[in-house]
Amino acid sequence: MPSNLGLREWHMTSYALTGAVIDDEGVTTTINEFTTSAARAAEWIRFYTGNSFTGTLILITTDIDGIKAKRRVVIDR
């Protein structure tokens, strides 16, 4: 698996990860992360998918020209 999960690493591209996840004890955590690093965004996704969470996250990518793309990440144990 590529280290950045297929996310492009371009200057001035921003990545926002939002949503809610539930851990194996039933505790809900609201996610609201922002970065300009594709590697960091991929790291967040790997963390939630690899640590017994469930839920849906939305990854919003905004390029320098203002074009936005949304990607749904469904997390299921």
PDB file of N, CA and C in Angstrom:
ATOM      1  N   MET A   1       0.849  -1.171   0.000  1.00  0.00           N
ATOM      2  CA  MET A   1       0.000   0.000   0.000  1.00  0.00           C
ATOM      3  C   MET A   1       0.898   1.238   0.000  1.00  0.00           C
ATOM      4  N   PRO A   2       0.627   2.195  -0.879  1.00  0.00           N
ATOM      5  CA  PRO A   2       1.438   3.405  -0.899  1.00  0.00           C
ATOM      6  C   PRO A   2       1.335   4.137   0.434  1.00  0.00           C
ATOM      7  N   SER A   3       2.384   4.819   0.798  1.00  0.00           N
ATOM      8  CA  SER A   3       2.407   5.485   2.093  1.00  0.00           C
ATOM      9  C   SER A   3       1.388   6.611   2.193  1.00  0.00           C
ATOM     10  N   ASN A   4       0.966   7.172   1.066  1.00  0.00           N
ATOM     11  CA  ASN A   4       0.018   8.278   1.140  1.00  0.00           C
ATOM     12  C   ASN A   4      -1.390   7.880   0.685  1.00  0.00           C
ATOM     13  N   LEU A   5      -1.677   6.588   0.572  1.00  0.00           N
ATOM     14  CA  LEU A   5      -3.000   6.071   0.208  1.00  0.00           C
ATOM     15  C   LEU A   5      -3.532   6.682  -1.079  1.00  0.00           C
ATOM     16  N   GLY A   6      -2.652   7.017  -1.998  1.00  0.00           N
ATOM     17  CA  GLY A   6      -3.071   7.572  -3.277  1.00  0.00           C
ATOM     18  C   GLY A   6      -3.361   9.060  -3.253  1.00  0.00           C
ATOM     19  N   LEU A   7      -3.139   9.727  -2.133  1.00  0.00           N
ATOM     20  CA  LEU A   7      -3.356  11.166  -2.063  1.00  0.00           C
ATOM     21  C   LEU A   7      -2.185  11.882  -2.710  1.00  0.00           C
ATOM     22  N   ARG A   8      -2.484  12.930  -3.433  1.00  0.00           N
ATOM     23  CA  ARG A   8      -1.424  13.691  -4.093  1.00  0.00           C
ATOM     24  C   ARG A   8      -0.754  14.631  -3.099  1.00  0.00           C
ATOM     25  N   GLU A   9       0.549  14.698  -3.175  1.00  0.00           N
ATOM     26  CA  GLU A   9       1.302  15.616  -2.323  1.00  0.00           C
ATOM     27  C   GLU A   9       1.700  16.801  -3.189  1.00  0.00           C
ATOM     28  N   TRP A  10       0.879  17.842  -3.209  1.00  0.00           N
ATOM     29  CA  TRP A  10       1.148  19.050  -3.975  1.00  0.00           C
ATOM     30  C   TRP A  10       1.254  20.207  -3.006  1.00  0.00           C
ATOM     31  N   HIS A  11       2.041  21.169  -3.381  1.00  0.00           N
ATOM     32  CA  HIS A  11       2.120  22.370  -2.559  1.00  0.00           C
ATOM     33  C   HIS A  11       0.778  23.086  -2.596  1.00  0.00           C
ATOM     34  N   MET A  12       0.382  23.581  -1.467  1.00  0.00           N
ATOM     35  CA  MET A  12      -0.829  24.368  -1.321  1.00  0.00           C
ATOM     36  C   MET A  12      -2.112  23.549  -1.486  1.00  0.00           C
ATOM     37  N   THR A  13      -2.041  22.270  -1.355  1.00  0.00           N
ATOM     38  CA  THR A  13      -3.241  21.442  -1.293  1.00  0.00           C
ATOM     39  C   THR A  13      -3.538  21.205   0.181  1.00  0.00           C
ATOM     40  N   SER A  14      -4.802  21.348   0.550  1.00  0.00           N
ATOM     41  CA  SER A  14      -5.163  21.108   1.945  1.00  0.00           C
ATOM     42  C   SER A  14      -6.053  19.872   2.039  1.00  0.00           C
ATOM     43  N   TYR A  15      -6.001  19.244   3.196  1.00  0.00           N
ATOM     44  CA  TYR A  15      -6.742  18.012   3.459  1.00  0.00           C
ATOM     45  C   TYR A  15      -7.490  18.188   4.774  1.00  0.00           C
ATOM     46  N   ALA A  16      -8.798  17.995   4.736  1.00  0.00           N
ATOM     47  CA  ALA A  16      -9.617  18.069   5.945  1.00  0.00           C
ATOM     48  C   ALA A  16     -10.297  16.716   6.135  1.00  0.00           C
ATOM     49  N   LEU A  17     -10.210  16.193   7.331  1.00  0.00           N
ATOM     50  CA  LEU A  17     -10.840  14.916   7.657  1.00  0.00           C
ATOM     51  C   LEU A  17     -11.852  15.179   8.766  1.00  0.00           C
ATOM     52  N   THR A  18     -13.119  14.901   8.477  1.00  0.00           N
ATOM     53  CA  THR A  18     -14.181  15.158   9.446  1.00  0.00           C
ATOM     54  C   THR A  18     -15.080  13.934   9.572  1.00  0.00           C
ATOM     55  N   GLY A  19     -15.808  13.883  10.654  1.00  0.00           N
ATOM     56  CA  GLY A  19     -16.751  12.788  10.861  1.00  0.00           C
ATOM     57  C   GLY A  19     -16.741  12.339  12.309  1.00  0.00           C
ATOM     58  N   ALA A  20     -17.220  11.123  12.525  1.00  0.00           N
ATOM     59  CA  ALA A  20     -17.256  10.559  13.871  1.00  0.00           C
ATOM     60  C   ALA A  20     -16.931   9.076  13.795  1.00  0.00           C
ATOM     61  N   VAL A  21     -16.205   8.613  14.793  1.00  0.00           N
ATOM     62  CA  VAL A  21     -15.870   7.193  14.888  1.00  0.00           C
ATOM     63  C   VAL A  21     -16.268   6.690  16.274  1.00  0.00           C
ATOM     64  N   ILE A  22     -16.515   5.396  16.358  1.00  0.00           N
ATOM     65  CA  ILE A  22     -16.885   4.757  17.618  1.00  0.00           C
ATOM     66  C   ILE A  22     -15.848   3.687  17.914  1.00  0.00           C
ATOM     67  N   ASP A  23     -15.313   3.696  19.139  1.00  0.00           N
ATOM     68  CA  ASP A  23     -14.312   2.686  19.491  1.00  0.00           C
ATOM     69  C   ASP A  23     -14.994   1.406  19.971  1.00  0.00           C
ATOM     70  N   ASP A  24     -14.188   0.403  20.310  1.00  0.00           N
ATOM     71  CA  ASP A  24     -14.744  -0.900  20.692  1.00  0.00           C
ATOM     72  C   ASP A  24     -15.444  -0.890  22.052  1.00  0.00           C
ATOM     73  N   GLU A  25     -15.363   0.222  22.788  1.00  0.00           N
ATOM     74  CA  GLU A  25     -16.089   0.362  24.051  1.00  0.00           C
ATOM     75  C   GLU A  25     -17.367   1.181  23.880  1.00  0.00           C
ATOM     76  N   GLY A  26     -17.664   1.604  22.638  1.00  0.00           N
ATOM     77  CA  GLY A  26     -18.872   2.370  22.366  1.00  0.00           C
ATOM     78  C   GLY A  26     -18.734   3.870  22.507  1.00  0.00           C
ATOM     79  N   VAL A  27     -17.531   4.357  22.717  1.00  0.00           N
ATOM     80  CA  VAL A  27     -17.301   5.792  22.878  1.00  0.00           C
ATOM     81  C   VAL A  27     -17.166   6.441  21.501  1.00  0.00           C
ATOM     82  N   THR A  28     -17.953   7.499  21.277  1.00  0.00           N
ATOM     83  CA  THR A  28     -17.917   8.225  20.012  1.00  0.00           C
ATOM     84  C   THR A  28     -16.922   9.375  20.106  1.00  0.00           C
ATOM     85  N   THR A  29     -16.099   9.511  19.076  1.00  0.00           N
ATOM     86  CA  THR A  29     -15.131  10.596  18.990  1.00  0.00           C
ATOM     87  C   THR A  29     -15.391  11.377  17.709  1.00  0.00           C
ATOM     88  N   THR A  30     -15.529  12.690  17.833  1.00  0.00           N
ATOM     89  CA  THR A  30     -15.700  13.553  16.672  1.00  0.00           C
ATOM     90  C   THR A  30     -14.329  13.887  16.103  1.00  0.00           C
ATOM     91  N   ILE A  31     -14.191  13.730  14.794  1.00  0.00           N
ATOM     92  CA  ILE A  31     -12.925  13.984  14.112  1.00  0.00           C
ATOM     93  C   ILE A  31     -13.053  15.279  13.327  1.00  0.00           C
ATOM     94  N   ASN A  32     -12.082  16.170  13.489  1.00  0.00           N
ATOM     95  CA  ASN A  32     -12.042  17.423  12.745  1.00  0.00           C
ATOM     96  C   ASN A  32     -10.571  17.814  12.598  1.00  0.00           C
ATOM     97  N   GLU A  33      -9.910  17.228  11.613  1.00  0.00           N
ATOM     98  CA  GLU A  33      -8.472  17.421  11.413  1.00  0.00           C
ATOM     99  C   GLU A  33      -8.220  18.204  10.130  1.00  0.00           C
ATOM    100  N   PHE A  34      -7.131  18.961  10.099  1.00  0.00           N
ATOM    101  CA  PHE A  34      -6.763  19.746   8.921  1.00  0.00           C
ATOM    102  C   PHE A  34      -5.248  19.725   8.764  1.00  0.00           C
ATOM    103  N   THR A  35      -4.776  19.560   7.522  1.00  0.00           N
ATOM    104  CA  THR A  35      -3.341  19.565   7.251  1.00  0.00           C
ATOM    105  C   THR A  35      -3.089  19.939   5.793  1.00  0.00           C
ATOM    106  N   THR A  36      -1.857  20.262   5.485  1.00  0.00           N
ATOM    107  CA  THR A  36      -1.435  20.455   4.093  1.00  0.00           C
ATOM    108  C   THR A  36      -0.530  19.310   3.654  1.00  0.00           C
ATOM    109  N   SER A  37      -0.476  18.246   4.431  1.00  0.00           N
ATOM    110  CA  SER A  37       0.379  17.097   4.139  1.00  0.00           C
ATOM    111  C   SER A  37      -0.462  15.869   3.788  1.00  0.00           C
ATOM    112  N   ALA A  38      -0.285  15.359   2.568  1.00  0.00           N
ATOM    113  CA  ALA A  38      -0.991  14.138   2.162  1.00  0.00           C
ATOM    114  C   ALA A  38      -0.584  12.972   3.050  1.00  0.00           C
ATOM    115  N   ALA A  39       0.682  12.923   3.422  1.00  0.00           N
ATOM    116  CA  ALA A  39       1.169  11.840   4.277  1.00  0.00           C
ATOM    117  C   ALA A  39       0.479  11.872   5.642  1.00  0.00           C
ATOM    118  N   ARG A  40       0.291  13.053   6.197  1.00  0.00           N
ATOM    119  CA  ARG A  40      -0.380  13.179   7.500  1.00  0.00           C
ATOM    120  C   ARG A  40      -1.838  12.743   7.391  1.00  0.00           C
ATOM    121  N   ALA A  41      -2.532  13.157   6.336  1.00  0.00           N
ATOM    122  CA  ALA A  41      -3.930  12.756   6.145  1.00  0.00           C
ATOM    123  C   ALA A  41      -4.037  11.237   6.026  1.00  0.00           C
ATOM    124  N   ALA A  42      -3.139  10.629   5.280  1.00  0.00           N
ATOM    125  CA  ALA A  42      -3.133   9.171   5.123  1.00  0.00           C
ATOM    126  C   ALA A  42      -2.852   8.489   6.458  1.00  0.00           C
ATOM    127  N   GLU A  43      -1.977   9.095   7.262  1.00  0.00           N
ATOM    128  CA  GLU A  43      -1.660   8.550   8.589  1.00  0.00           C
ATOM    129  C   GLU A  43      -2.901   8.546   9.476  1.00  0.00           C
ATOM    130  N   TRP A  44      -3.692   9.616   9.441  1.00  0.00           N
ATOM    131  CA  TRP A  44      -4.929   9.666  10.232  1.00  0.00           C
ATOM    132  C   TRP A  44      -5.870   8.547   9.817  1.00  0.00           C
ATOM    133  N   ILE A  45      -6.054   8.376   8.502  1.00  0.00           N
ATOM    134  CA  ILE A  45      -6.971   7.345   8.005  1.00  0.00           C
ATOM    135  C   ILE A  45      -6.497   5.958   8.424  1.00  0.00           C
ATOM    136  N   ARG A  46      -5.202   5.699   8.293  1.00  0.00           N
ATOM    137  CA  ARG A  46      -4.660   4.398   8.714  1.00  0.00           C
ATOM    138  C   ARG A  46      -4.875   4.172  10.210  1.00  0.00           C
ATOM    139  N   PHE A  47      -4.724   5.218  11.015  1.00  0.00           N
ATOM    140  CA  PHE A  47      -4.921   5.087  12.458  1.00  0.00           C
ATOM    141  C   PHE A  47      -6.344   4.624  12.768  1.00  0.00           C
ATOM    142  N   TYR A  48      -7.339   5.288  12.197  1.00  0.00           N
ATOM    143  CA  TYR A  48      -8.730   4.946  12.503  1.00  0.00           C
ATOM    144  C   TYR A  48      -9.145   3.609  11.901  1.00  0.00           C
ATOM    145  N   THR A  49      -8.630   3.261  10.728  1.00  0.00           N
ATOM    146  CA  THR A  49      -8.994   1.975  10.126  1.00  0.00           C
ATOM    147  C   THR A  49      -8.275   0.812  10.795  1.00  0.00           C
ATOM    148  N   GLY A  50      -7.156   1.053  11.444  1.00  0.00           N
ATOM    149  CA  GLY A  50      -6.370  -0.026  12.023  1.00  0.00           C
ATOM    150  C   GLY A  50      -6.503  -0.208  13.516  1.00  0.00           C
ATOM    151  N   ASN A  51      -7.384   0.555  14.170  1.00  0.00           N
ATOM    152  CA  ASN A  51      -7.466   0.501  15.629  1.00  0.00           C
ATOM    153  C   ASN A  51      -8.878   0.272  16.158  1.00  0.00           C
ATOM    154  N   SER A  52      -9.609  -0.639  15.556  1.00  0.00           N
ATOM    155  CA  SER A  52     -10.925  -1.091  16.045  1.00  0.00           C
ATOM    156  C   SER A  52     -11.980   0.007  16.123  1.00  0.00           C
ATOM    157  N   PHE A  53     -11.902   1.014  15.265  1.00  0.00           N
ATOM    158  CA  PHE A  53     -12.946   2.029  15.198  1.00  0.00           C
ATOM    159  C   PHE A  53     -13.948   1.647  14.114  1.00  0.00           C
ATOM    160  N   THR A  54     -15.167   2.162  14.232  1.00  0.00           N
ATOM    161  CA  THR A  54     -16.157   2.083  13.159  1.00  0.00           C
ATOM    162  C   THR A  54     -16.694   3.493  12.938  1.00  0.00           C
ATOM    163  N   GLY A  55     -17.239   3.744  11.767  1.00  0.00           N
ATOM    164  CA  GLY A  55     -17.816   5.052  11.477  1.00  0.00           C
ATOM    165  C   GLY A  55     -17.553   5.461  10.044  1.00  0.00           C
ATOM    166  N   THR A  56     -17.891   6.696   9.747  1.00  0.00           N
ATOM    167  CA  THR A  56     -17.677   7.246   8.417  1.00  0.00           C
ATOM    168  C   THR A  56     -16.958   8.576   8.544  1.00  0.00           C
ATOM    169  N   LEU A  57     -15.897   8.718   7.786  1.00  0.00           N
ATOM    170  CA  LEU A  57     -15.146   9.965   7.735  1.00  0.00           C
ATOM    171  C   LEU A  57     -15.239  10.534   6.324  1.00  0.00           C
ATOM    172  N   ILE A  58     -15.163  11.839   6.220  1.00  0.00           N
ATOM    173  CA  ILE A  58     -15.147  12.516   4.928  1.00  0.00           C
ATOM    174  C   ILE A  58     -13.796  13.210   4.792  1.00  0.00           C
ATOM    175  N   LEU A  59     -13.092  12.881   3.715  1.00  0.00           N
ATOM    176  CA  LEU A  59     -11.824  13.536   3.401  1.00  0.00           C
ATOM    177  C   LEU A  59     -12.106  14.562   2.315  1.00  0.00           C
ATOM    178  N   ILE A  60     -11.869  15.830   2.620  1.00  0.00           N
ATOM    179  CA  ILE A  60     -12.067  16.908   1.650  1.00  0.00           C
ATOM    180  C   ILE A  60     -10.699  17.433   1.250  1.00  0.00           C
ATOM    181  N   THR A  61     -10.418  17.363  -0.040  1.00  0.00           N
ATOM    182  CA  THR A  61      -9.162  17.857  -0.588  1.00  0.00           C
ATOM    183  C   THR A  61      -9.453  19.157  -1.329  1.00  0.00           C
ATOM    184  N   THR A  62      -8.699  20.215  -1.012  1.00  0.00           N
ATOM    185  CA  THR A  62      -8.861  21.495  -1.694  1.00  0.00           C
ATOM    186  C   THR A  62      -7.544  21.855  -2.355  1.00  0.00           C
ATOM    187  N   ASP A  63      -7.574  21.981  -3.691  1.00  0.00           N
ATOM    188  CA  ASP A  63      -6.370  22.338  -4.439  1.00  0.00           C
ATOM    189  C   ASP A  63      -6.160  23.844  -4.428  1.00  0.00           C
ATOM    190  N   ILE A  64      -5.000  24.274  -4.867  1.00  0.00           N
ATOM    191  CA  ILE A  64      -4.646  25.686  -4.871  1.00  0.00           C
ATOM    192  C   ILE A  64      -5.631  26.526  -5.682  1.00  0.00           C
ATOM    193  N   ASP A  65      -6.241  25.929  -6.705  1.00  0.00           N
ATOM    194  CA  ASP A  65      -7.205  26.662  -7.533  1.00  0.00           C
ATOM    195  C   ASP A  65      -8.613  26.680  -6.934  1.00  0.00           C
ATOM    196  N   GLY A  66      -8.769  26.119  -5.735  1.00  0.00           N
ATOM    197  CA  GLY A  66     -10.051  26.141  -5.041  1.00  0.00           C
ATOM    198  C   GLY A  66     -10.957  24.964  -5.337  1.00  0.00           C
ATOM    199  N   ILE A  67     -10.543  24.082  -6.226  1.00  0.00           N
ATOM    200  CA  ILE A  67     -11.363  22.918  -6.555  1.00  0.00           C
ATOM    201  C   ILE A  67     -11.326  21.927  -5.395  1.00  0.00           C
ATOM    202  N   LYS A  68     -12.519  21.517  -4.965  1.00  0.00           N
ATOM    203  CA  LYS A  68     -12.631  20.585  -3.843  1.00  0.00           C
ATOM    204  C   LYS A  68     -13.083  19.219  -4.328  1.00  0.00           C
ATOM    205  N   ALA A  69     -12.587  18.207  -3.653  1.00  0.00           N
ATOM    206  CA  ALA A  69     -13.016  16.832  -3.914  1.00  0.00           C
ATOM    207  C   ALA A  69     -13.322  16.185  -2.571  1.00  0.00           C
ATOM    208  N   LYS A  70     -14.417  15.440  -2.514  1.00  0.00           N
ATOM    209  CA  LYS A  70     -14.798  14.742  -1.283  1.00  0.00           C
ATOM    210  C   LYS A  70     -14.671  13.247  -1.507  1.00  0.00           C
ATOM    211  N   ARG A  71     -14.158  12.586  -0.485  1.00  0.00           N
ATOM    212  CA  ARG A  71     -14.006  11.135  -0.526  1.00  0.00           C
ATOM    213  C   ARG A  71     -14.524  10.577   0.799  1.00  0.00           C
ATOM    214  N   ARG A  72     -15.441   9.642   0.716  1.00  0.00           N
ATOM    215  CA  ARG A  72     -15.989   9.020   1.920  1.00  0.00           C
ATOM    216  C   ARG A  72     -15.110   7.836   2.313  1.00  0.00           C
ATOM    217  N   VAL A  73     -14.785   7.759   3.594  1.00  0.00           N
ATOM    218  CA  VAL A  73     -13.993   6.652   4.124  1.00  0.00           C
ATOM    219  C   VAL A  73     -14.869   5.935   5.150  1.00  0.00           C
ATOM    220  N   VAL A  74     -15.338   4.748   4.791  1.00  0.00           N
ATOM    221  CA  VAL A  74     -16.174   3.959   5.702  1.00  0.00           C
ATOM    222  C   VAL A  74     -15.256   3.030   6.478  1.00  0.00           C
ATOM    223  N   ILE A  75     -15.343   3.114   7.791  1.00  0.00           N
ATOM    224  CA  ILE A  75     -14.489   2.311   8.663  1.00  0.00           C
ATOM    225  C   ILE A  75     -15.355   1.248   9.327  1.00  0.00           C
ATOM    226  N   ASP A  76     -14.981   0.006   9.117  1.00  0.00           N
ATOM    227  CA  ASP A  76     -15.737  -1.112   9.671  1.00  0.00           C
ATOM    228  C   ASP A  76     -14.749  -2.139  10.204  1.00  0.00           C
ATOM    229  N   ARG A  77     -14.961  -2.577  11.407  1.00  0.00           N
ATOM    230  CA  ARG A  77     -14.060  -3.564  11.995  1.00  0.00           C
ATOM    231  C   ARG A  77     -14.141  -4.791  11.180  1.00  0.00           C
TER     232      ARG A  77
END
